N, C-alpha and C. Protein backbone atom coordinates (compact mmCIF):
# COMPACT_ATOMS: atom_id res chain seq x y z
N MET A 1 150.12 -58.96 89.86
CA MET A 1 149.60 -59.01 88.50
C MET A 1 148.11 -59.31 88.53
N GLU A 2 147.30 -58.46 87.88
CA GLU A 2 145.86 -58.65 87.87
C GLU A 2 145.45 -59.75 86.90
N THR A 3 144.41 -60.47 87.28
CA THR A 3 143.86 -61.52 86.43
C THR A 3 142.81 -60.91 85.52
N ALA A 4 142.88 -61.24 84.23
CA ALA A 4 141.88 -60.75 83.28
C ALA A 4 140.56 -61.44 83.56
N VAL A 5 139.49 -60.66 83.59
CA VAL A 5 138.15 -61.19 83.86
C VAL A 5 137.25 -60.89 82.67
N SER A 6 136.47 -61.87 82.27
CA SER A 6 135.47 -61.66 81.22
C SER A 6 134.12 -62.06 81.76
N VAL A 7 133.07 -61.52 81.16
CA VAL A 7 131.70 -61.82 81.57
C VAL A 7 130.93 -62.33 80.37
N LYS A 8 130.19 -63.41 80.57
CA LYS A 8 129.40 -64.02 79.49
C LYS A 8 127.96 -64.21 79.94
N ALA A 9 127.03 -63.94 79.03
CA ALA A 9 125.62 -64.22 79.30
C ALA A 9 125.42 -65.73 79.36
N LEU A 10 124.64 -66.19 80.33
CA LEU A 10 124.36 -67.61 80.45
C LEU A 10 123.60 -68.10 79.22
N GLU A 11 124.03 -69.22 78.68
CA GLU A 11 123.34 -69.88 77.58
C GLU A 11 123.59 -71.37 77.73
N PRO A 12 122.85 -72.21 77.01
CA PRO A 12 122.95 -73.65 77.23
C PRO A 12 124.37 -74.21 77.15
N GLY A 13 125.20 -73.65 76.29
CA GLY A 13 126.57 -74.14 76.16
C GLY A 13 127.44 -73.88 77.38
N LEU A 14 126.96 -73.06 78.31
CA LEU A 14 127.72 -72.76 79.53
C LEU A 14 127.20 -73.52 80.74
N LEU A 15 126.32 -74.49 80.52
CA LEU A 15 125.75 -75.27 81.62
C LEU A 15 126.84 -75.89 82.48
N HIS A 16 127.84 -76.52 81.87
CA HIS A 16 128.91 -77.15 82.65
C HIS A 16 129.62 -76.13 83.53
N ASP A 17 129.88 -74.93 83.01
CA ASP A 17 130.57 -73.90 83.79
C ASP A 17 129.74 -73.46 84.97
N PHE A 18 128.43 -73.28 84.76
CA PHE A 18 127.53 -72.89 85.84
C PHE A 18 127.53 -73.95 86.94
N LEU A 19 127.36 -75.22 86.55
CA LEU A 19 127.32 -76.30 87.55
C LEU A 19 128.66 -76.44 88.26
N ASP A 20 129.75 -76.31 87.53
CA ASP A 20 131.07 -76.39 88.15
C ASP A 20 131.24 -75.29 89.20
N PHE A 21 130.80 -74.08 88.88
CA PHE A 21 130.89 -72.97 89.83
C PHE A 21 130.08 -73.27 91.09
N PHE A 22 128.83 -73.71 90.91
CA PHE A 22 127.99 -73.96 92.08
C PHE A 22 128.37 -75.25 92.81
N ASP A 23 128.88 -76.23 92.10
CA ASP A 23 129.32 -77.47 92.76
C ASP A 23 130.55 -77.24 93.63
N ARG A 24 131.47 -76.37 93.19
CA ARG A 24 132.79 -76.30 93.81
C ARG A 24 133.15 -74.98 94.49
N ARG A 25 132.67 -73.85 93.99
CA ARG A 25 133.22 -72.59 94.47
C ARG A 25 132.21 -71.58 95.01
N ALA A 26 131.00 -71.58 94.50
CA ALA A 26 130.06 -70.51 94.86
C ALA A 26 129.86 -70.38 96.37
N PHE A 27 129.72 -71.50 97.04
CA PHE A 27 129.46 -71.47 98.48
C PHE A 27 130.52 -72.24 99.26
N ALA A 28 131.75 -72.20 98.80
CA ALA A 28 132.83 -72.91 99.48
C ALA A 28 132.99 -72.44 100.92
N ASP A 29 132.67 -71.16 101.19
CA ASP A 29 132.78 -70.64 102.55
C ASP A 29 131.41 -70.49 103.21
N ASN A 30 130.39 -71.11 102.63
CA ASN A 30 129.04 -71.04 103.18
C ASN A 30 128.28 -72.31 102.80
N ARG A 31 128.73 -73.43 103.34
CA ARG A 31 128.19 -74.73 102.93
C ARG A 31 126.69 -74.85 103.18
N ASP A 32 126.14 -74.06 104.11
CA ASP A 32 124.71 -74.14 104.40
C ASP A 32 123.85 -73.80 103.18
N TRP A 33 124.39 -73.02 102.26
CA TRP A 33 123.63 -72.61 101.09
C TRP A 33 124.04 -73.36 99.83
N SER A 34 124.87 -74.36 99.97
CA SER A 34 125.43 -75.05 98.80
C SER A 34 124.38 -75.82 97.99
N ALA A 35 123.20 -76.02 98.54
CA ALA A 35 122.15 -76.75 97.82
C ALA A 35 121.28 -75.84 96.97
N CYS A 36 121.56 -74.55 96.93
CA CYS A 36 120.67 -73.58 96.28
C CYS A 36 120.69 -73.64 94.75
N TYR A 37 121.85 -73.61 94.15
CA TYR A 37 121.98 -73.56 92.69
C TYR A 37 121.15 -72.42 92.09
N CYS A 38 121.04 -71.35 92.86
CA CYS A 38 120.31 -70.14 92.46
C CYS A 38 118.86 -70.44 92.11
N ARG A 39 118.23 -71.30 92.89
CA ARG A 39 116.84 -71.66 92.65
C ARG A 39 115.86 -71.05 93.65
N PHE A 40 116.36 -70.41 94.70
CA PHE A 40 115.49 -69.90 95.75
C PHE A 40 114.37 -69.02 95.21
N PHE A 41 114.71 -68.05 94.37
CA PHE A 41 113.70 -67.11 93.88
C PHE A 41 112.79 -67.71 92.82
N HIS A 42 113.13 -68.91 92.34
CA HIS A 42 112.28 -69.62 91.40
C HIS A 42 111.20 -70.43 92.11
N ALA A 43 111.33 -70.64 93.41
CA ALA A 43 110.36 -71.43 94.18
C ALA A 43 109.06 -70.63 94.36
N ALA A 44 107.96 -71.35 94.46
CA ALA A 44 106.65 -70.71 94.58
C ALA A 44 106.40 -70.13 95.97
N SER A 45 107.04 -70.72 96.99
CA SER A 45 106.83 -70.27 98.37
C SER A 45 107.98 -70.77 99.23
N LEU A 46 108.07 -70.22 100.44
CA LEU A 46 109.10 -70.70 101.37
C LEU A 46 108.89 -72.17 101.71
N GLY A 47 107.64 -72.57 101.87
CA GLY A 47 107.34 -73.97 102.16
C GLY A 47 107.81 -74.88 101.04
N ALA A 48 107.54 -74.48 99.81
CA ALA A 48 107.98 -75.28 98.65
C ALA A 48 109.49 -75.33 98.60
N TRP A 49 110.14 -74.20 98.88
CA TRP A 49 111.61 -74.15 98.85
C TRP A 49 112.21 -75.11 99.88
N GLU A 50 111.66 -75.11 101.07
CA GLU A 50 112.22 -75.93 102.15
C GLU A 50 112.10 -77.43 101.89
N ARG A 51 111.22 -77.81 100.99
CA ARG A 51 111.08 -79.24 100.66
C ARG A 51 112.03 -79.69 99.56
N LEU A 52 112.70 -78.76 98.89
CA LEU A 52 113.60 -79.12 97.79
C LEU A 52 114.98 -79.52 98.29
N THR A 53 115.58 -80.51 97.65
CA THR A 53 116.94 -80.94 97.99
C THR A 53 117.95 -80.29 97.05
N GLY A 54 119.21 -80.39 97.41
CA GLY A 54 120.26 -79.88 96.54
C GLY A 54 120.26 -80.55 95.18
N ASN A 55 120.05 -81.86 95.16
CA ASN A 55 120.01 -82.58 93.89
C ASN A 55 118.84 -82.12 93.02
N GLU A 56 117.70 -81.87 93.65
CA GLU A 56 116.54 -81.38 92.90
C GLU A 56 116.80 -79.99 92.33
N ASN A 57 117.41 -79.12 93.14
CA ASN A 57 117.73 -77.77 92.67
C ASN A 57 118.75 -77.81 91.54
N ARG A 58 119.75 -78.66 91.67
CA ARG A 58 120.77 -78.79 90.62
C ARG A 58 120.13 -79.27 89.31
N ALA A 59 119.26 -80.27 89.41
CA ALA A 59 118.60 -80.81 88.23
C ALA A 59 117.68 -79.77 87.59
N ALA A 60 116.96 -78.99 88.41
CA ALA A 60 116.07 -77.95 87.88
C ALA A 60 116.87 -76.87 87.18
N ALA A 61 118.00 -76.46 87.78
CA ALA A 61 118.85 -75.47 87.13
C ALA A 61 119.36 -75.99 85.80
N ALA A 62 119.82 -77.23 85.79
CA ALA A 62 120.33 -77.83 84.55
C ALA A 62 119.25 -77.86 83.47
N ARG A 63 118.03 -78.24 83.83
CA ARG A 63 116.93 -78.29 82.85
C ARG A 63 116.63 -76.90 82.30
N ASP A 64 116.54 -75.92 83.21
CA ASP A 64 116.19 -74.57 82.77
C ASP A 64 117.29 -73.93 81.93
N ILE A 65 118.54 -74.18 82.29
CA ILE A 65 119.63 -73.63 81.48
C ILE A 65 119.66 -74.29 80.11
N ALA A 66 119.51 -75.60 80.06
CA ALA A 66 119.52 -76.32 78.78
C ALA A 66 118.38 -75.85 77.88
N ALA A 67 117.26 -75.46 78.49
CA ALA A 67 116.11 -74.99 77.71
C ALA A 67 116.13 -73.48 77.48
N GLY A 68 117.16 -72.79 77.97
CA GLY A 68 117.25 -71.34 77.79
C GLY A 68 116.30 -70.55 78.66
N ARG A 69 115.86 -71.15 79.79
CA ARG A 69 114.88 -70.47 80.66
C ARG A 69 115.50 -69.82 81.90
N MET A 70 116.76 -70.04 82.16
CA MET A 70 117.41 -69.43 83.33
C MET A 70 118.37 -68.37 82.81
N ARG A 71 118.29 -67.18 83.38
CA ARG A 71 119.06 -66.06 82.85
C ARG A 71 120.04 -65.51 83.88
N GLY A 72 121.14 -65.02 83.34
CA GLY A 72 122.13 -64.39 84.20
C GLY A 72 123.46 -64.27 83.48
N TYR A 73 124.50 -63.96 84.25
CA TYR A 73 125.83 -63.74 83.71
C TYR A 73 126.86 -64.45 84.56
N LEU A 74 127.83 -65.06 83.90
CA LEU A 74 128.96 -65.70 84.57
C LEU A 74 130.22 -64.86 84.34
N ALA A 75 131.01 -64.69 85.39
CA ALA A 75 132.32 -64.04 85.28
C ALA A 75 133.38 -65.13 85.25
N TYR A 76 134.38 -64.93 84.41
CA TYR A 76 135.44 -65.92 84.22
C TYR A 76 136.81 -65.31 84.48
N ALA A 77 137.68 -66.14 85.06
CA ALA A 77 139.10 -65.81 85.19
C ALA A 77 139.87 -67.12 85.04
N ASN A 78 140.95 -67.07 84.30
CA ASN A 78 141.78 -68.26 84.08
C ASN A 78 140.97 -69.46 83.57
N GLY A 79 139.98 -69.19 82.72
CA GLY A 79 139.24 -70.25 82.07
C GLY A 79 138.15 -70.91 82.89
N ARG A 80 137.84 -70.38 84.08
CA ARG A 80 136.76 -70.99 84.87
C ARG A 80 135.85 -69.91 85.45
N ALA A 81 134.61 -70.31 85.70
CA ALA A 81 133.63 -69.37 86.24
C ALA A 81 133.98 -69.06 87.69
N ILE A 82 133.98 -67.76 88.02
CA ILE A 82 134.31 -67.32 89.38
C ILE A 82 133.22 -66.43 89.98
N GLY A 83 132.19 -66.12 89.19
CA GLY A 83 131.12 -65.26 89.69
C GLY A 83 129.84 -65.45 88.92
N TRP A 84 128.73 -65.05 89.54
CA TRP A 84 127.41 -65.25 88.95
C TRP A 84 126.49 -64.10 89.35
N CYS A 85 125.71 -63.64 88.38
CA CYS A 85 124.66 -62.65 88.62
C CYS A 85 123.38 -63.18 88.01
N ALA A 86 122.36 -63.43 88.83
CA ALA A 86 121.06 -63.88 88.35
C ALA A 86 120.20 -62.66 88.06
N VAL A 87 119.73 -62.54 86.82
CA VAL A 87 118.90 -61.40 86.43
C VAL A 87 117.90 -61.85 85.37
N ASP A 88 116.66 -61.47 85.58
CA ASP A 88 115.59 -61.81 84.64
C ASP A 88 114.43 -60.86 84.94
N SER A 89 113.34 -61.00 84.21
CA SER A 89 112.14 -60.24 84.52
C SER A 89 111.67 -60.57 85.94
N LYS A 90 111.17 -59.56 86.64
CA LYS A 90 110.64 -59.82 87.99
C LYS A 90 109.59 -60.92 87.97
N SER A 91 108.81 -60.98 86.89
CA SER A 91 107.76 -61.98 86.81
C SER A 91 108.30 -63.41 86.70
N ALA A 92 109.61 -63.57 86.43
CA ALA A 92 110.23 -64.89 86.34
C ALA A 92 110.59 -65.46 87.72
N TYR A 93 110.45 -64.64 88.77
CA TYR A 93 110.86 -65.04 90.12
C TYR A 93 109.66 -65.06 91.07
N PRO A 94 108.95 -66.19 91.15
CA PRO A 94 107.76 -66.26 92.02
C PRO A 94 108.03 -65.87 93.47
N MET A 95 109.23 -66.17 93.98
CA MET A 95 109.51 -65.90 95.39
C MET A 95 109.47 -64.40 95.71
N LEU A 96 109.72 -63.56 94.72
CA LEU A 96 109.65 -62.12 94.99
C LEU A 96 108.26 -61.71 95.47
N ALA A 97 107.24 -62.39 94.98
CA ALA A 97 105.87 -62.07 95.40
C ALA A 97 105.64 -62.38 96.87
N ASN A 98 106.48 -63.23 97.45
CA ASN A 98 106.36 -63.59 98.86
C ASN A 98 107.14 -62.66 99.78
N LEU A 99 107.93 -61.76 99.19
CA LEU A 99 108.70 -60.81 99.98
C LEU A 99 107.94 -59.50 100.01
N SER A 100 107.59 -59.07 101.17
CA SER A 100 106.72 -57.92 101.39
C SER A 100 107.05 -56.73 100.50
N ALA A 101 106.06 -56.27 99.76
CA ALA A 101 106.10 -55.01 98.99
C ALA A 101 107.15 -54.97 97.89
N ILE A 102 107.64 -56.10 97.44
CA ILE A 102 108.67 -56.06 96.40
C ILE A 102 108.07 -56.13 95.00
N THR A 103 106.97 -56.83 94.82
CA THR A 103 106.40 -56.94 93.48
C THR A 103 105.27 -55.95 93.28
N GLY A 104 104.93 -55.74 92.02
CA GLY A 104 103.86 -54.80 91.71
C GLY A 104 103.50 -54.84 90.25
N PRO A 105 102.63 -53.93 89.79
CA PRO A 105 102.21 -53.91 88.40
C PRO A 105 103.39 -53.64 87.47
N GLY A 106 103.33 -54.20 86.29
CA GLY A 106 104.36 -53.96 85.29
C GLY A 106 105.64 -54.73 85.52
N ASP A 107 105.60 -55.80 86.33
CA ASP A 107 106.82 -56.53 86.66
C ASP A 107 107.50 -57.13 85.43
N GLU A 108 106.74 -57.43 84.38
CA GLU A 108 107.35 -58.03 83.19
C GLU A 108 108.26 -57.04 82.45
N LYS A 109 108.14 -55.75 82.74
CA LYS A 109 108.99 -54.73 82.11
C LYS A 109 110.16 -54.32 82.99
N VAL A 110 110.27 -54.98 84.16
CA VAL A 110 111.32 -54.67 85.12
C VAL A 110 112.28 -55.85 85.24
N ALA A 111 113.55 -55.62 85.01
CA ALA A 111 114.56 -56.65 85.23
C ALA A 111 114.91 -56.67 86.71
N ALA A 112 115.15 -57.86 87.26
CA ALA A 112 115.44 -57.99 88.68
C ALA A 112 116.73 -58.78 88.88
N ILE A 113 117.64 -58.19 89.64
CA ILE A 113 118.85 -58.92 90.07
C ILE A 113 118.52 -59.52 91.43
N VAL A 114 118.58 -60.85 91.52
CA VAL A 114 118.25 -61.50 92.79
C VAL A 114 119.45 -62.17 93.46
N CYS A 115 120.54 -62.33 92.73
CA CYS A 115 121.69 -63.00 93.31
C CYS A 115 122.96 -62.49 92.64
N LEU A 116 123.99 -62.27 93.45
CA LEU A 116 125.27 -61.77 92.96
C LEU A 116 126.37 -62.40 93.83
N ILE A 117 127.00 -63.44 93.29
CA ILE A 117 127.96 -64.23 94.07
C ILE A 117 129.31 -64.25 93.36
N VAL A 118 130.35 -64.05 94.13
CA VAL A 118 131.72 -64.14 93.61
C VAL A 118 132.50 -65.10 94.49
N GLU A 119 133.28 -65.96 93.85
CA GLU A 119 134.13 -66.90 94.57
C GLU A 119 134.97 -66.15 95.62
N LYS A 120 135.15 -66.76 96.77
CA LYS A 120 135.80 -66.10 97.90
C LYS A 120 137.13 -65.45 97.55
N ASP A 121 137.99 -66.14 96.82
CA ASP A 121 139.32 -65.61 96.53
C ASP A 121 139.33 -64.47 95.52
N HIS A 122 138.18 -64.17 94.92
CA HIS A 122 138.10 -63.10 93.93
C HIS A 122 137.20 -61.95 94.35
N ARG A 123 136.77 -61.93 95.59
CA ARG A 123 135.90 -60.85 96.07
C ARG A 123 136.68 -59.56 96.26
N ARG A 124 135.93 -58.46 96.19
CA ARG A 124 136.47 -57.12 96.38
C ARG A 124 137.56 -56.77 95.35
N MET A 125 137.33 -57.28 94.12
CA MET A 125 138.25 -57.01 93.02
C MET A 125 137.52 -56.41 91.83
N GLY A 126 136.26 -55.98 92.02
CA GLY A 126 135.51 -55.36 90.94
C GLY A 126 134.72 -56.32 90.08
N ILE A 127 134.71 -57.60 90.43
CA ILE A 127 134.02 -58.58 89.60
C ILE A 127 132.49 -58.43 89.71
N ALA A 128 132.00 -58.18 90.90
CA ALA A 128 130.56 -57.95 91.06
C ALA A 128 130.12 -56.74 90.24
N LEU A 129 130.93 -55.71 90.23
CA LEU A 129 130.63 -54.51 89.44
C LEU A 129 130.54 -54.87 87.96
N SER A 130 131.48 -55.65 87.46
CA SER A 130 131.47 -56.06 86.05
C SER A 130 130.23 -56.88 85.73
N LEU A 131 129.83 -57.75 86.64
CA LEU A 131 128.63 -58.56 86.43
C LEU A 131 127.37 -57.69 86.34
N VAL A 132 127.24 -56.74 87.26
CA VAL A 132 126.05 -55.88 87.25
C VAL A 132 126.06 -54.97 86.03
N GLU A 133 127.22 -54.48 85.64
CA GLU A 133 127.28 -53.67 84.42
C GLU A 133 126.82 -54.47 83.20
N ALA A 134 127.23 -55.73 83.11
CA ALA A 134 126.79 -56.60 82.00
C ALA A 134 125.28 -56.82 82.08
N ALA A 135 124.75 -57.01 83.29
CA ALA A 135 123.31 -57.21 83.48
C ALA A 135 122.53 -55.98 83.03
N ILE A 136 123.02 -54.80 83.38
CA ILE A 136 122.36 -53.55 82.97
C ILE A 136 122.35 -53.44 81.44
N ASP A 137 123.50 -53.67 80.83
CA ASP A 137 123.61 -53.57 79.38
C ASP A 137 122.67 -54.57 78.69
N GLY A 138 122.66 -55.80 79.18
CA GLY A 138 121.80 -56.83 78.60
C GLY A 138 120.32 -56.50 78.76
N ALA A 139 119.94 -56.00 79.93
CA ALA A 139 118.54 -55.65 80.17
C ALA A 139 118.10 -54.49 79.28
N ARG A 140 118.97 -53.52 79.13
CA ARG A 140 118.65 -52.38 78.26
C ARG A 140 118.45 -52.85 76.82
N LYS A 141 119.35 -53.71 76.33
CA LYS A 141 119.23 -54.23 74.96
C LYS A 141 118.00 -55.11 74.78
N SER A 142 117.54 -55.72 75.86
CA SER A 142 116.35 -56.59 75.80
C SER A 142 115.04 -55.82 75.94
N GLY A 143 115.13 -54.50 76.11
CA GLY A 143 113.92 -53.68 76.16
C GLY A 143 113.29 -53.49 77.52
N PHE A 144 113.97 -53.89 78.59
CA PHE A 144 113.43 -53.61 79.92
C PHE A 144 113.44 -52.12 80.19
N LEU A 145 112.45 -51.63 80.90
CA LEU A 145 112.35 -50.20 81.19
C LEU A 145 113.13 -49.80 82.42
N SER A 146 113.28 -50.74 83.36
CA SER A 146 114.03 -50.44 84.58
C SER A 146 114.59 -51.74 85.16
N MET A 147 115.47 -51.58 86.13
CA MET A 147 116.07 -52.73 86.80
C MET A 147 115.99 -52.50 88.30
N GLU A 148 115.70 -53.56 89.03
CA GLU A 148 115.69 -53.49 90.49
C GLU A 148 116.68 -54.49 91.06
N ALA A 149 117.12 -54.20 92.28
CA ALA A 149 117.91 -55.14 93.08
C ALA A 149 117.43 -54.99 94.52
N TYR A 150 117.80 -55.97 95.35
CA TYR A 150 117.22 -56.06 96.69
C TYR A 150 118.30 -56.29 97.76
N PRO A 151 119.24 -55.36 97.90
CA PRO A 151 120.30 -55.57 98.90
C PRO A 151 119.72 -55.64 100.31
N ARG A 152 120.32 -56.47 101.11
CA ARG A 152 119.85 -56.66 102.48
C ARG A 152 120.42 -55.58 103.39
N ARG A 153 119.65 -55.26 104.43
CA ARG A 153 120.09 -54.29 105.43
C ARG A 153 120.68 -55.03 106.62
N PRO A 154 121.76 -54.50 107.19
CA PRO A 154 122.31 -55.13 108.40
C PRO A 154 121.32 -55.02 109.56
N LYS A 155 121.35 -56.01 110.44
CA LYS A 155 120.52 -55.97 111.64
C LYS A 155 121.30 -55.32 112.77
N ASP A 156 120.66 -54.42 113.48
CA ASP A 156 121.25 -53.78 114.66
C ASP A 156 122.62 -53.16 114.37
N GLY A 157 122.80 -52.66 113.15
CA GLY A 157 124.05 -51.97 112.82
C GLY A 157 125.25 -52.87 112.56
N ALA A 158 125.08 -54.19 112.72
CA ALA A 158 126.18 -55.12 112.48
C ALA A 158 126.40 -55.28 110.98
N ALA A 159 127.63 -55.48 110.58
CA ALA A 159 127.93 -55.68 109.16
C ALA A 159 127.37 -57.02 108.68
N LEU A 160 126.95 -57.05 107.43
CA LEU A 160 126.48 -58.30 106.84
C LEU A 160 127.67 -59.19 106.53
N SER A 161 127.48 -60.49 106.70
CA SER A 161 128.50 -61.43 106.24
C SER A 161 128.44 -61.49 104.72
N ASP A 162 129.48 -62.03 104.09
CA ASP A 162 129.46 -62.19 102.64
C ASP A 162 128.26 -63.03 102.22
N ALA A 163 127.92 -64.05 103.01
CA ALA A 163 126.78 -64.90 102.68
C ALA A 163 125.48 -64.11 102.70
N GLU A 164 125.29 -63.28 103.72
CA GLU A 164 124.06 -62.50 103.85
C GLU A 164 123.95 -61.44 102.75
N ALA A 165 125.08 -61.05 102.19
CA ALA A 165 125.10 -59.99 101.17
C ALA A 165 124.96 -60.55 99.76
N TYR A 166 124.43 -61.76 99.62
CA TYR A 166 124.33 -62.38 98.29
C TYR A 166 123.54 -61.56 97.26
N PRO A 167 122.62 -60.66 97.65
CA PRO A 167 121.97 -59.87 96.61
C PRO A 167 122.87 -58.74 96.08
N GLY A 168 124.04 -58.57 96.67
CA GLY A 168 124.93 -57.47 96.32
C GLY A 168 124.80 -56.33 97.31
N PRO A 169 125.85 -55.57 97.52
CA PRO A 169 125.82 -54.48 98.50
C PRO A 169 125.14 -53.22 97.97
N ARG A 170 124.48 -52.49 98.83
CA ARG A 170 123.84 -51.22 98.46
C ARG A 170 124.84 -50.28 97.82
N SER A 171 126.07 -50.25 98.35
CA SER A 171 127.07 -49.32 97.84
C SER A 171 127.39 -49.56 96.37
N LEU A 172 127.40 -50.82 95.95
CA LEU A 172 127.66 -51.13 94.54
C LEU A 172 126.54 -50.59 93.67
N TYR A 173 125.31 -50.81 94.08
CA TYR A 173 124.18 -50.32 93.29
C TYR A 173 124.14 -48.80 93.26
N ALA A 174 124.44 -48.17 94.38
CA ALA A 174 124.47 -46.70 94.41
C ALA A 174 125.53 -46.17 93.44
N ARG A 175 126.67 -46.83 93.39
CA ARG A 175 127.75 -46.42 92.48
C ARG A 175 127.30 -46.46 91.02
N LEU A 176 126.39 -47.36 90.70
CA LEU A 176 125.91 -47.51 89.33
C LEU A 176 124.65 -46.70 89.04
N GLY A 177 124.22 -45.88 90.00
CA GLY A 177 123.10 -44.98 89.77
C GLY A 177 121.75 -45.49 90.21
N PHE A 178 121.70 -46.63 90.90
CA PHE A 178 120.42 -47.12 91.43
C PHE A 178 119.98 -46.20 92.57
N ALA A 179 118.69 -45.88 92.60
CA ALA A 179 118.13 -45.07 93.67
C ALA A 179 117.31 -45.95 94.60
N GLU A 180 117.37 -45.65 95.89
CA GLU A 180 116.58 -46.41 96.85
C GLU A 180 115.12 -46.02 96.71
N VAL A 181 114.26 -47.05 96.55
CA VAL A 181 112.85 -46.82 96.33
C VAL A 181 112.06 -47.00 97.62
N ARG A 182 112.34 -48.07 98.34
CA ARG A 182 111.60 -48.35 99.57
C ARG A 182 112.29 -49.47 100.34
N GLU A 183 111.82 -49.68 101.56
CA GLU A 183 112.26 -50.81 102.35
C GLU A 183 111.23 -51.92 102.21
N ALA A 184 111.69 -53.16 102.24
CA ALA A 184 110.80 -54.32 102.16
C ALA A 184 111.38 -55.39 103.06
N GLY A 185 110.83 -55.53 104.24
CA GLY A 185 111.37 -56.49 105.19
C GLY A 185 112.80 -56.11 105.55
N ASP A 186 113.73 -57.06 105.40
CA ASP A 186 115.12 -56.78 105.75
C ASP A 186 115.93 -56.32 104.53
N ARG A 187 115.22 -55.85 103.50
CA ARG A 187 115.88 -55.44 102.26
C ARG A 187 115.54 -54.00 101.89
N ASN A 188 116.39 -53.43 101.05
CA ASN A 188 116.08 -52.18 100.40
C ASN A 188 115.80 -52.50 98.93
N VAL A 189 114.78 -51.90 98.38
CA VAL A 189 114.53 -52.02 96.94
C VAL A 189 115.21 -50.83 96.29
N VAL A 190 116.13 -51.13 95.37
CA VAL A 190 116.82 -50.06 94.64
C VAL A 190 116.49 -50.22 93.16
N SER A 191 116.39 -49.11 92.45
CA SER A 191 115.92 -49.14 91.07
C SER A 191 116.76 -48.24 90.18
N LEU A 192 116.90 -48.68 88.93
CA LEU A 192 117.63 -47.91 87.92
C LEU A 192 116.77 -47.83 86.68
N LYS A 193 116.53 -46.62 86.18
CA LYS A 193 115.78 -46.44 84.95
C LYS A 193 116.68 -46.81 83.77
N LEU A 194 116.16 -47.65 82.86
CA LEU A 194 116.95 -48.11 81.73
C LEU A 194 116.58 -47.44 80.42
N SER A 195 115.33 -47.00 80.29
CA SER A 195 114.93 -46.37 79.05
C SER A 195 115.62 -45.02 78.91
N ARG A 196 115.90 -44.65 77.65
CA ARG A 196 116.66 -43.41 77.42
C ARG A 196 115.76 -42.30 76.95
């Protein structure tokens, strides 16, 4: 029997659900990243990121969500959050400027997906697809002209672990019509035109 899944845009009233997901399930199989709270791309530099603690990241996420400054979508099943897609204007993510050749002119008109995480027990069930579809719809309604994502490339032909694939797999983006634009370090930049 399939579990019904719904997707909701992040807003201040969903702060508890976001924190519950990141506190308990987001990185249950990848404890090394459990301190992130989806703050990596909000950091000004790698050096600044490395100085932040899990408690600081959690508090920053809580502040930004309460103030309506953190954007994304939560997927729900059985009344609890089981997935997350971080999406906002490229200009909202300072860390993108530190990743070779990813940023450029007009970034405020480009929506960027930087994180796509699904709880381990719900992976490979179409939840990531539902999250990205909601992100596309929301970005289009918000007037963005295009959307980018940054899936990682495997090293030496080896498959990526679920942890390494946190930006989402290339195959998912290709299925939704994203075209590969260029390579940037260990990532591919893929883009989807949103204007009609």
